[in-house]
Amino acid sequence: MFPPDLKHFLQPWELVLRMKMRNKWSERLLQYQKELL
């Protein structure tokens, strides 16, 4: 769908977004665990 160079440009952003999502999820899980304890 994208030309290769554009794909290379988009990839880091995708990684950053995924990392942010993962951080949010891990924070949620930690809060949830604390509430359970």
N, C-alpha and C. Protein backbone atom coordinates (compact mmCIF):
# COMPACT_ATOMS: atom_id res chain seq x y z
N MET A 1 0.83 -1.20 0.00
CA MET A 1 0.00 0.00 0.00
C MET A 1 0.87 1.26 0.00
N PHE A 2 1.85 1.30 0.90
CA PHE A 2 2.76 2.45 0.94
C PHE A 2 4.00 2.17 0.12
N PRO A 3 4.59 3.22 -0.45
CA PRO A 3 5.93 3.04 -1.03
C PRO A 3 6.92 2.70 0.08
N PRO A 4 7.97 1.98 -0.23
CA PRO A 4 8.89 1.46 0.80
C PRO A 4 9.47 2.55 1.71
N ASP A 5 9.88 3.68 1.12
CA ASP A 5 10.50 4.70 1.97
C ASP A 5 9.49 5.26 2.97
N LEU A 6 8.24 5.40 2.53
CA LEU A 6 7.19 5.88 3.43
C LEU A 6 6.96 4.87 4.54
N LYS A 7 7.02 3.60 4.18
CA LYS A 7 6.86 2.56 5.18
C LYS A 7 7.96 2.66 6.24
N HIS A 8 9.17 2.90 5.78
CA HIS A 8 10.29 3.04 6.72
C HIS A 8 10.09 4.26 7.61
N PHE A 9 9.49 5.28 7.04
CA PHE A 9 9.23 6.49 7.82
C PHE A 9 8.16 6.23 8.88
N LEU A 10 7.17 5.44 8.51
CA LEU A 10 6.05 5.19 9.42
C LEU A 10 6.40 4.20 10.53
N GLN A 11 7.31 3.31 10.26
CA GLN A 11 7.60 2.24 11.21
C GLN A 11 7.98 2.73 12.61
N PRO A 12 8.91 3.67 12.74
CA PRO A 12 9.26 4.14 14.10
C PRO A 12 8.05 4.67 14.85
N TRP A 13 7.18 5.39 14.14
CA TRP A 13 5.99 5.93 14.80
C TRP A 13 5.11 4.80 15.32
N GLU A 14 4.98 3.77 14.51
CA GLU A 14 4.19 2.62 14.92
C GLU A 14 4.78 2.00 16.19
N LEU A 15 6.10 1.90 16.21
CA LEU A 15 6.78 1.34 17.38
C LEU A 15 6.54 2.21 18.61
N VAL A 16 6.64 3.52 18.42
CA VAL A 16 6.42 4.44 19.54
C VAL A 16 4.99 4.30 20.07
N LEU A 17 4.04 4.24 19.14
CA LEU A 17 2.64 4.09 19.55
C LEU A 17 2.44 2.80 20.32
N ARG A 18 3.04 1.73 19.81
CA ARG A 18 2.89 0.43 20.49
C ARG A 18 3.50 0.47 21.88
N MET A 19 4.64 1.11 22.00
CA MET A 19 5.28 1.21 23.31
C MET A 19 4.39 2.00 24.27
N LYS A 20 3.81 3.09 23.78
CA LYS A 20 2.93 3.90 24.63
C LYS A 20 1.73 3.07 25.07
N MET A 21 1.15 2.35 24.12
CA MET A 21 0.00 1.52 24.46
C MET A 21 0.39 0.49 25.51
N ARG A 22 1.55 -0.12 25.32
CA ARG A 22 2.00 -1.15 26.26
C ARG A 22 2.21 -0.54 27.65
N ASN A 23 2.79 0.65 27.69
CA ASN A 23 3.00 1.32 28.97
C ASN A 23 1.67 1.58 29.67
N LYS A 24 0.69 2.06 28.90
CA LYS A 24 -0.62 2.32 29.49
C LYS A 24 -1.22 1.03 30.04
N TRP A 25 -1.12 -0.02 29.27
CA TRP A 25 -1.68 -1.30 29.71
C TRP A 25 -0.98 -1.80 30.96
N SER A 26 0.34 -1.70 31.01
CA SER A 26 1.08 -2.18 32.18
C SER A 26 0.71 -1.34 33.40
N GLU A 27 0.53 -0.03 33.22
CA GLU A 27 0.12 0.83 34.33
C GLU A 27 -1.25 0.39 34.84
N ARG A 28 -2.16 0.13 33.91
CA ARG A 28 -3.50 -0.32 34.29
C ARG A 28 -3.42 -1.60 35.09
N LEU A 29 -2.62 -2.54 34.58
CA LEU A 29 -2.50 -3.84 35.26
C LEU A 29 -1.92 -3.67 36.65
N LEU A 30 -0.92 -2.80 36.79
CA LEU A 30 -0.32 -2.57 38.11
C LEU A 30 -1.35 -1.98 39.07
N GLN A 31 -2.10 -1.01 38.61
CA GLN A 31 -3.14 -0.41 39.45
C GLN A 31 -4.15 -1.47 39.87
N TYR A 32 -4.54 -2.29 38.92
CA TYR A 32 -5.53 -3.33 39.19
C TYR A 32 -5.01 -4.31 40.23
N GLN A 33 -3.76 -4.69 40.09
CA GLN A 33 -3.15 -5.62 41.05
C GLN A 33 -3.10 -4.99 42.44
N LYS A 34 -2.75 -3.73 42.52
CA LYS A 34 -2.70 -3.04 43.81
C LYS A 34 -4.09 -3.03 44.45
N GLU A 35 -5.11 -2.78 43.64
CA GLU A 35 -6.47 -2.76 44.17
C GLU A 35 -6.87 -4.13 44.68
N LEU A 36 -6.43 -5.17 43.98
CA LEU A 36 -6.76 -6.53 44.40
C LEU A 36 -6.08 -6.86 45.72
N LEU A 37 -4.86 -6.37 45.88
CA LEU A 37 -4.14 -6.63 47.13
C LEU A 37 -4.72 -5.73 48.23
